[in-house]
Amino acid sequence: YEGYGSDEDDWVDAGDVRSRDFGPIDDHGYAVGQTVKVWDGDEEEWYSAVIRKANDGEYFVHYIGYGTSEDEWVSPDDIT
């Protein structure tokens, strides 16, 4: 569950899962509201994030489990 520790993870029946409508997908295949992995070259690590805004081919992301002071604009090259 987003925002909770992995100790809260649980198996659920497929019928209990709903897909979220993220709205239009852009040319890079991403949409506002989508959960992605973002590469941090300094730490050489992937971090889970949610795309909050998109503008001119860049994405403003919020890192899951981190404060809003860590939110930043990233390039699509750093997203998977």
PDB file of N, CA and C in Angstrom:
ATOM      1  N   TYR A   1       0.839  -1.174   0.000  1.00  0.00           N
ATOM      2  CA  TYR A   1       0.000   0.000   0.000  1.00  0.00           C
ATOM      3  C   TYR A   1       0.883   1.235   0.000  1.00  0.00           C
ATOM      4  N   GLU A   2       0.574   2.173  -0.887  1.00  0.00           N
ATOM      5  CA  GLU A   2       1.368   3.397  -0.999  1.00  0.00           C
ATOM      6  C   GLU A   2       1.329   4.169   0.314  1.00  0.00           C
ATOM      7  N   GLY A   3       2.512   4.569   0.765  1.00  0.00           N
ATOM      8  CA  GLY A   3       2.599   5.347   1.991  1.00  0.00           C
ATOM      9  C   GLY A   3       2.748   4.515   3.248  1.00  0.00           C
ATOM     10  N   TYR A   4       2.760   3.191   3.113  1.00  0.00           N
ATOM     11  CA  TYR A   4       2.911   2.289   4.252  1.00  0.00           C
ATOM     12  C   TYR A   4       4.165   1.443   4.068  1.00  0.00           C
ATOM     13  N   GLY A   5       4.667   0.876   5.134  1.00  0.00           N
ATOM     14  CA  GLY A   5       5.830   0.008   5.061  1.00  0.00           C
ATOM     15  C   GLY A   5       5.496  -1.311   4.395  1.00  0.00           C
ATOM     16  N   SER A   6       6.522  -2.031   3.955  1.00  0.00           N
ATOM     17  CA  SER A   6       6.308  -3.306   3.270  1.00  0.00           C
ATOM     18  C   SER A   6       5.679  -4.355   4.182  1.00  0.00           C
ATOM     19  N   ASP A   7       5.752  -4.149   5.499  1.00  0.00           N
ATOM     20  CA  ASP A   7       5.112  -5.093   6.413  1.00  0.00           C
ATOM     21  C   ASP A   7       3.593  -5.031   6.312  1.00  0.00           C
ATOM     22  N   GLU A   8       3.066  -4.010   5.632  1.00  0.00           N
ATOM     23  CA  GLU A   8       1.623  -3.880   5.425  1.00  0.00           C
ATOM     24  C   GLU A   8       1.177  -4.482   4.094  1.00  0.00           C
ATOM     25  N   ASP A   9       2.129  -4.960   3.261  1.00  0.00           N
ATOM     26  CA  ASP A   9       1.773  -5.562   1.979  1.00  0.00           C
ATOM     27  C   ASP A   9       0.890  -6.781   2.217  1.00  0.00           C
ATOM     28  N   ASP A  10       0.006  -7.053   1.257  1.00  0.00           N
ATOM     29  CA  ASP A  10      -0.950  -8.139   1.426  1.00  0.00           C
ATOM     30  C   ASP A  10      -1.381  -8.637   0.051  1.00  0.00           C
ATOM     31  N   TRP A  11      -1.692  -9.906  -0.052  1.00  0.00           N
ATOM     32  CA  TRP A  11      -2.258 -10.461  -1.272  1.00  0.00           C
ATOM     33  C   TRP A  11      -3.741 -10.130  -1.295  1.00  0.00           C
ATOM     34  N   VAL A  12      -4.253  -9.765  -2.476  1.00  0.00           N
ATOM     35  CA  VAL A  12      -5.676  -9.476  -2.633  1.00  0.00           C
ATOM     36  C   VAL A  12      -6.198 -10.216  -3.853  1.00  0.00           C
ATOM     37  N   ASP A  13      -7.504 -10.449  -3.888  1.00  0.00           N
ATOM     38  CA  ASP A  13      -8.131 -11.082  -5.041  1.00  0.00           C
ATOM     39  C   ASP A  13      -8.149 -10.107  -6.210  1.00  0.00           C
ATOM     40  N   ALA A  14      -8.006 -10.624  -7.422  1.00  0.00           N
ATOM     41  CA  ALA A  14      -7.985  -9.774  -8.611  1.00  0.00           C
ATOM     42  C   ALA A  14      -9.248  -8.928  -8.715  1.00  0.00           C
ATOM     43  N   GLY A  15     -10.372  -9.442  -8.267  1.00  0.00           N
ATOM     44  CA  GLY A  15     -11.628  -8.699  -8.322  1.00  0.00           C
ATOM     45  C   GLY A  15     -11.672  -7.511  -7.382  1.00  0.00           C
ATOM     46  N   ASP A  16     -10.741  -7.458  -6.440  1.00  0.00           N
ATOM     47  CA  ASP A  16     -10.701  -6.351  -5.481  1.00  0.00           C
ATOM     48  C   ASP A  16      -9.777  -5.218  -5.924  1.00  0.00           C
ATOM     49  N   VAL A  17      -9.190  -5.342  -7.103  1.00  0.00           N
ATOM     50  CA  VAL A  17      -8.246  -4.342  -7.593  1.00  0.00           C
ATOM     51  C   VAL A  17      -8.905  -3.533  -8.706  1.00  0.00           C
ATOM     52  N   ARG A  18      -8.784  -2.205  -8.604  1.00  0.00           N
ATOM     53  CA  ARG A  18      -9.298  -1.329  -9.653  1.00  0.00           C
ATOM     54  C   ARG A  18      -8.134  -0.586 -10.287  1.00  0.00           C
ATOM     55  N   SER A  19      -8.212  -0.408 -11.584  1.00  0.00           N
ATOM     56  CA  SER A  19      -7.195   0.347 -12.306  1.00  0.00           C
ATOM     57  C   SER A  19      -7.503   1.831 -12.188  1.00  0.00           C
ATOM     58  N   ARG A  20      -6.481   2.630 -12.027  1.00  0.00           N
ATOM     59  CA  ARG A  20      -6.656   4.078 -11.924  1.00  0.00           C
ATOM     60  C   ARG A  20      -6.551   4.693 -13.318  1.00  0.00           C
ATOM     61  N   ASP A  21      -7.443   5.634 -13.613  1.00  0.00           N
ATOM     62  CA  ASP A  21      -7.379   6.372 -14.871  1.00  0.00           C
ATOM     63  C   ASP A  21      -6.419   7.533 -14.683  1.00  0.00           C
ATOM     64  N   PHE A  22      -5.255   7.445 -15.295  1.00  0.00           N
ATOM     65  CA  PHE A  22      -4.236   8.473 -15.146  1.00  0.00           C
ATOM     66  C   PHE A  22      -4.426   9.635 -16.109  1.00  0.00           C
ATOM     67  N   GLY A  23      -5.378   9.516 -17.001  1.00  0.00           N
ATOM     68  CA  GLY A  23      -5.534  10.572 -17.992  1.00  0.00           C
ATOM     69  C   GLY A  23      -4.642  10.294 -19.185  1.00  0.00           C
ATOM     70  N   PRO A  24      -4.433  11.304 -20.004  1.00  0.00           N
ATOM     71  CA  PRO A  24      -3.672  11.087 -21.237  1.00  0.00           C
ATOM     72  C   PRO A  24      -2.211  10.726 -20.987  1.00  0.00           C
ATOM     73  N   ILE A  25      -1.745   9.774 -21.753  1.00  0.00           N
ATOM     74  CA  ILE A  25      -0.341   9.366 -21.725  1.00  0.00           C
ATOM     75  C   ILE A  25       0.405  10.245 -22.733  1.00  0.00           C
ATOM     76  N   ASP A  26       1.581  10.740 -22.363  1.00  0.00           N
ATOM     77  CA  ASP A  26       2.326  11.613 -23.269  1.00  0.00           C
ATOM     78  C   ASP A  26       3.217  10.805 -24.214  1.00  0.00           C
ATOM     79  N   ASP A  27       4.015  11.509 -25.004  1.00  0.00           N
ATOM     80  CA  ASP A  27       4.874  10.862 -26.004  1.00  0.00           C
ATOM     81  C   ASP A  27       5.906   9.921 -25.392  1.00  0.00           C
ATOM     82  N   HIS A  28       6.243  10.126 -24.126  1.00  0.00           N
ATOM     83  CA  HIS A  28       7.219   9.271 -23.451  1.00  0.00           C
ATOM     84  C   HIS A  28       6.553   8.078 -22.769  1.00  0.00           C
ATOM     85  N   GLY A  29       5.218   8.044 -22.763  1.00  0.00           N
ATOM     86  CA  GLY A  29       4.489   6.935 -22.164  1.00  0.00           C
ATOM     87  C   GLY A  29       4.132   7.129 -20.704  1.00  0.00           C
ATOM     88  N   TYR A  30       4.208   8.362 -20.203  1.00  0.00           N
ATOM     89  CA  TYR A  30       3.920   8.642 -18.797  1.00  0.00           C
ATOM     90  C   TYR A  30       2.726   9.576 -18.660  1.00  0.00           C
ATOM     91  N   ALA A  31       2.103   9.551 -17.466  1.00  0.00           N
ATOM     92  CA  ALA A  31       0.942  10.396 -17.192  1.00  0.00           C
ATOM     93  C   ALA A  31       1.004  10.910 -15.764  1.00  0.00           C
ATOM     94  N   VAL A  32       0.406  12.067 -15.541  1.00  0.00           N
ATOM     95  CA  VAL A  32       0.295  12.615 -14.189  1.00  0.00           C
ATOM     96  C   VAL A  32      -0.492  11.628 -13.334  1.00  0.00           C
ATOM     97  N   GLY A  33       0.003  11.346 -12.133  1.00  0.00           N
ATOM     98  CA  GLY A  33      -0.627  10.393 -11.228  1.00  0.00           C
ATOM     99  C   GLY A  33      -0.018   9.006 -11.281  1.00  0.00           C
ATOM    100  N   GLN A  34       0.787   8.752 -12.280  1.00  0.00           N
ATOM    101  CA  GLN A  34       1.407   7.439 -12.459  1.00  0.00           C
ATOM    102  C   GLN A  34       2.573   7.252 -11.490  1.00  0.00           C
ATOM    103  N   THR A  35       2.687   6.048 -10.943  1.00  0.00           N
ATOM    104  CA  THR A  35       3.827   5.698 -10.098  1.00  0.00           C
ATOM    105  C   THR A  35       4.946   5.176 -10.990  1.00  0.00           C
ATOM    106  N   VAL A  36       6.150   5.696 -10.785  1.00  0.00           N
ATOM    107  CA  VAL A  36       7.308   5.346 -11.610  1.00  0.00           C
ATOM    108  C   VAL A  36       8.521   5.123 -10.716  1.00  0.00           C
ATOM    109  N   LYS A  37       9.607   4.676 -11.308  1.00  0.00           N
ATOM    110  CA  LYS A  37      10.909   4.611 -10.644  1.00  0.00           C
ATOM    111  C   LYS A  37      11.779   5.703 -11.250  1.00  0.00           C
ATOM    112  N   VAL A  38      12.491   6.442 -10.389  1.00  0.00           N
ATOM    113  CA  VAL A  38      13.352   7.531 -10.838  1.00  0.00           C
ATOM    114  C   VAL A  38      14.788   7.219 -10.432  1.00  0.00           C
ATOM    115  N   TRP A  39      15.708   7.346 -11.387  1.00  0.00           N
ATOM    116  CA  TRP A  39      17.126   7.076 -11.153  1.00  0.00           C
ATOM    117  C   TRP A  39      17.798   8.278 -10.503  1.00  0.00           C
ATOM    118  N   ASP A  40      18.516   8.035  -9.418  1.00  0.00           N
ATOM    119  CA  ASP A  40      19.339   9.061  -8.767  1.00  0.00           C
ATOM    120  C   ASP A  40      20.788   8.715  -9.063  1.00  0.00           C
ATOM    121  N   GLY A  41      21.392   9.455  -9.982  1.00  0.00           N
ATOM    122  CA  GLY A  41      22.765   9.182 -10.390  1.00  0.00           C
ATOM    123  C   GLY A  41      23.780   9.376  -9.282  1.00  0.00           C
ATOM    124  N   ASP A  42      23.507  10.309  -8.357  1.00  0.00           N
ATOM    125  CA  ASP A  42      24.432  10.538  -7.244  1.00  0.00           C
ATOM    126  C   ASP A  42      24.462   9.338  -6.300  1.00  0.00           C
ATOM    127  N   GLU A  43      23.282   8.811  -6.001  1.00  0.00           N
ATOM    128  CA  GLU A  43      23.173   7.664  -5.090  1.00  0.00           C
ATOM    129  C   GLU A  43      23.278   6.333  -5.829  1.00  0.00           C
ATOM    130  N   GLU A  44      23.197   6.391  -7.174  1.00  0.00           N
ATOM    131  CA  GLU A  44      23.172   5.195  -8.020  1.00  0.00           C
ATOM    132  C   GLU A  44      22.109   4.214  -7.533  1.00  0.00           C
ATOM    133  N   GLU A  45      20.887   4.734  -7.446  1.00  0.00           N
ATOM    134  CA  GLU A  45      19.769   3.951  -6.924  1.00  0.00           C
ATOM    135  C   GLU A  45      18.464   4.435  -7.556  1.00  0.00           C
ATOM    136  N   TRP A  46      17.501   3.501  -7.683  1.00  0.00           N
ATOM    137  CA  TRP A  46      16.161   3.826  -8.163  1.00  0.00           C
ATOM    138  C   TRP A  46      15.268   4.128  -6.964  1.00  0.00           C
ATOM    139  N   TYR A  47      14.406   5.138  -7.101  1.00  0.00           N
ATOM    140  CA  TYR A  47      13.456   5.504  -6.050  1.00  0.00           C
ATOM    141  C   TYR A  47      12.043   5.529  -6.623  1.00  0.00           C
ATOM    142  N   SER A  48      11.067   5.045  -5.855  1.00  0.00           N
ATOM    143  CA  SER A  48       9.663   5.097  -6.266  1.00  0.00           C
ATOM    144  C   SER A  48       9.143   6.517  -6.123  1.00  0.00           C
ATOM    145  N   ALA A  49       8.395   6.956  -7.122  1.00  0.00           N
ATOM    146  CA  ALA A  49       7.859   8.314  -7.117  1.00  0.00           C
ATOM    147  C   ALA A  49       6.532   8.347  -7.867  1.00  0.00           C
ATOM    148  N   VAL A  50       5.771   9.407  -7.628  1.00  0.00           N
ATOM    149  CA  VAL A  50       4.515   9.649  -8.331  1.00  0.00           C
ATOM    150  C   VAL A  50       4.678  10.928  -9.147  1.00  0.00           C
ATOM    151  N   ILE A  51       4.294  10.868 -10.410  1.00  0.00           N
ATOM    152  CA  ILE A  51       4.351  12.062 -11.252  1.00  0.00           C
ATOM    153  C   ILE A  51       3.220  12.992 -10.840  1.00  0.00           C
ATOM    154  N   ARG A  52       3.559  14.207 -10.433  1.00  0.00           N
ATOM    155  CA  ARG A  52       2.569  15.197  -9.992  1.00  0.00           C
ATOM    156  C   ARG A  52       2.234  16.205 -11.085  1.00  0.00           C
ATOM    157  N   LYS A  53       3.223  16.542 -11.938  1.00  0.00           N
ATOM    158  CA  LYS A  53       3.025  17.514 -13.020  1.00  0.00           C
ATOM    159  C   LYS A  53       3.906  17.117 -14.195  1.00  0.00           C
ATOM    160  N   ALA A  54       3.510  17.566 -15.379  1.00  0.00           N
ATOM    161  CA  ALA A  54       4.328  17.373 -16.581  1.00  0.00           C
ATOM    162  C   ALA A  54       4.357  18.695 -17.335  1.00  0.00           C
ATOM    163  N   ASN A  55       5.547  19.064 -17.845  1.00  0.00           N
ATOM    164  CA  ASN A  55       5.677  20.324 -18.566  1.00  0.00           C
ATOM    165  C   ASN A  55       6.913  20.284 -19.463  1.00  0.00           C
ATOM    166  N   ASP A  56       6.708  20.556 -20.737  1.00  0.00           N
ATOM    167  CA  ASP A  56       7.817  20.637 -21.701  1.00  0.00           C
ATOM    168  C   ASP A  56       8.753  19.437 -21.641  1.00  0.00           C
ATOM    169  N   GLY A  57       8.199  18.233 -21.544  1.00  0.00           N
ATOM    170  CA  GLY A  57       9.008  17.021 -21.576  1.00  0.00           C
ATOM    171  C   GLY A  57       9.705  16.673 -20.280  1.00  0.00           C
ATOM    172  N   GLU A  58       9.396  17.370 -19.192  1.00  0.00           N
ATOM    173  CA  GLU A  58       9.943  17.027 -17.879  1.00  0.00           C
ATOM    174  C   GLU A  58       8.796  16.731 -16.924  1.00  0.00           C
ATOM    175  N   TYR A  59       9.136  16.067 -15.817  1.00  0.00           N
ATOM    176  CA  TYR A  59       8.124  15.618 -14.866  1.00  0.00           C
ATOM    177  C   TYR A  59       8.480  16.066 -13.458  1.00  0.00           C
ATOM    178  N   PHE A  60       7.481  16.600 -12.761  1.00  0.00           N
ATOM    179  CA  PHE A  60       7.657  16.968 -11.361  1.00  0.00           C
ATOM    180  C   PHE A  60       7.194  15.773 -10.550  1.00  0.00           C
ATOM    181  N   VAL A  61       8.105  15.178  -9.776  1.00  0.00           N
ATOM    182  CA  VAL A  61       7.791  13.940  -9.064  1.00  0.00           C
ATOM    183  C   VAL A  61       7.850  14.132  -7.554  1.00  0.00           C
ATOM    184  N   HIS A  62       7.031  13.332  -6.876  1.00  0.00           N
ATOM    185  CA  HIS A  62       7.061  13.241  -5.415  1.00  0.00           C
ATOM    186  C   HIS A  62       7.564  11.846  -5.076  1.00  0.00           C
ATOM    187  N   TYR A  63       8.636  11.779  -4.298  1.00  0.00           N
ATOM    188  CA  TYR A  63       9.212  10.499  -3.913  1.00  0.00           C
ATOM    189  C   TYR A  63       8.404   9.892  -2.771  1.00  0.00           C
ATOM    190  N   ILE A  64       7.954   8.666  -2.972  1.00  0.00           N
ATOM    191  CA  ILE A  64       7.123   7.973  -1.990  1.00  0.00           C
ATOM    192  C   ILE A  64       7.938   7.713  -0.727  1.00  0.00           C
ATOM    193  N   GLY A  65       7.379   8.146   0.404  1.00  0.00           N
ATOM    194  CA  GLY A  65       8.043   7.947   1.682  1.00  0.00           C
ATOM    195  C   GLY A  65       8.960   9.087   2.078  1.00  0.00           C
ATOM    196  N   TYR A  66       9.022  10.130   1.250  1.00  0.00           N
ATOM    197  CA  TYR A  66       9.873  11.290   1.530  1.00  0.00           C
ATOM    198  C   TYR A  66       9.010  12.548   1.596  1.00  0.00           C
ATOM    199  N   GLY A  67       9.521  13.569   2.236  1.00  0.00           N
ATOM    200  CA  GLY A  67       8.800  14.831   2.355  1.00  0.00           C
ATOM    201  C   GLY A  67       8.750  15.586   1.037  1.00  0.00           C
ATOM    202  N   THR A  68       7.858  16.563   0.968  1.00  0.00           N
ATOM    203  CA  THR A  68       7.705  17.339  -0.265  1.00  0.00           C
ATOM    204  C   THR A  68       8.938  18.180  -0.588  1.00  0.00           C
ATOM    205  N   SER A  69       9.807  18.392   0.391  1.00  0.00           N
ATOM    206  CA  SER A  69      11.032  19.153   0.117  1.00  0.00           C
ATOM    207  C   SER A  69      11.951  18.403  -0.850  1.00  0.00           C
ATOM    208  N   GLU A  70      11.725  17.105  -1.025  1.00  0.00           N
ATOM    209  CA  GLU A  70      12.524  16.292  -1.951  1.00  0.00           C
ATOM    210  C   GLU A  70      11.923  16.255  -3.358  1.00  0.00           C
ATOM    211  N   ASP A  71      10.701  16.767  -3.534  1.00  0.00           N
ATOM    212  CA  ASP A  71      10.059  16.771  -4.851  1.00  0.00           C
ATOM    213  C   ASP A  71      10.927  17.558  -5.830  1.00  0.00           C
ATOM    214  N   GLU A  72      10.942  17.109  -7.091  1.00  0.00           N
ATOM    215  CA  GLU A  72      11.788  17.787  -8.073  1.00  0.00           C
ATOM    216  C   GLU A  72      11.343  17.485  -9.493  1.00  0.00           C
ATOM    217  N   TRP A  73      11.837  18.301 -10.425  1.00  0.00           N
ATOM    218  CA  TRP A  73      11.640  18.068 -11.847  1.00  0.00           C
ATOM    219  C   TRP A  73      12.714  17.098 -12.335  1.00  0.00           C
ATOM    220  N   VAL A  74      12.299  16.101 -13.126  1.00  0.00           N
ATOM    221  CA  VAL A  74      13.245  15.126 -13.663  1.00  0.00           C
ATOM    222  C   VAL A  74      13.004  14.936 -15.157  1.00  0.00           C
ATOM    223  N   SER A  75      14.019  14.452 -15.816  1.00  0.00           N
ATOM    224  CA  SER A  75      13.976  14.162 -17.246  1.00  0.00           C
ATOM    225  C   SER A  75      13.356  12.783 -17.475  1.00  0.00           C
ATOM    226  N   PRO A  76      12.705  12.567 -18.619  1.00  0.00           N
ATOM    227  CA  PRO A  76      12.183  11.229 -18.913  1.00  0.00           C
ATOM    228  C   PRO A  76      13.291  10.181 -19.014  1.00  0.00           C
ATOM    229  N   ASP A  77      14.527  10.609 -19.268  1.00  0.00           N
ATOM    230  CA  ASP A  77      15.655   9.675 -19.323  1.00  0.00           C
ATOM    231  C   ASP A  77      15.933   9.038 -17.964  1.00  0.00           C
ATOM    232  N   ASP A  78      15.478   9.683 -16.891  1.00  0.00           N
ATOM    233  CA  ASP A  78      15.716   9.174 -15.536  1.00  0.00           C
ATOM    234  C   ASP A  78      14.535   8.386 -14.982  1.00  0.00           C
ATOM    235  N   ILE A  79      13.513   8.146 -15.812  1.00  0.00           N
ATOM    236  CA  ILE A  79      12.296   7.468 -15.361  1.00  0.00           C
ATOM    237  C   ILE A  79      12.156   6.121 -16.044  1.00  0.00           C
ATOM    238  N   THR A  80      11.669   5.153 -15.292  1.00  0.00           N
ATOM    239  CA  THR A  80      11.308   3.858 -15.861  1.00  0.00           C
ATOM    240  C   THR A  80      10.012   3.388 -15.242  1.00  0.00           C
TER     241      THR A  80
END
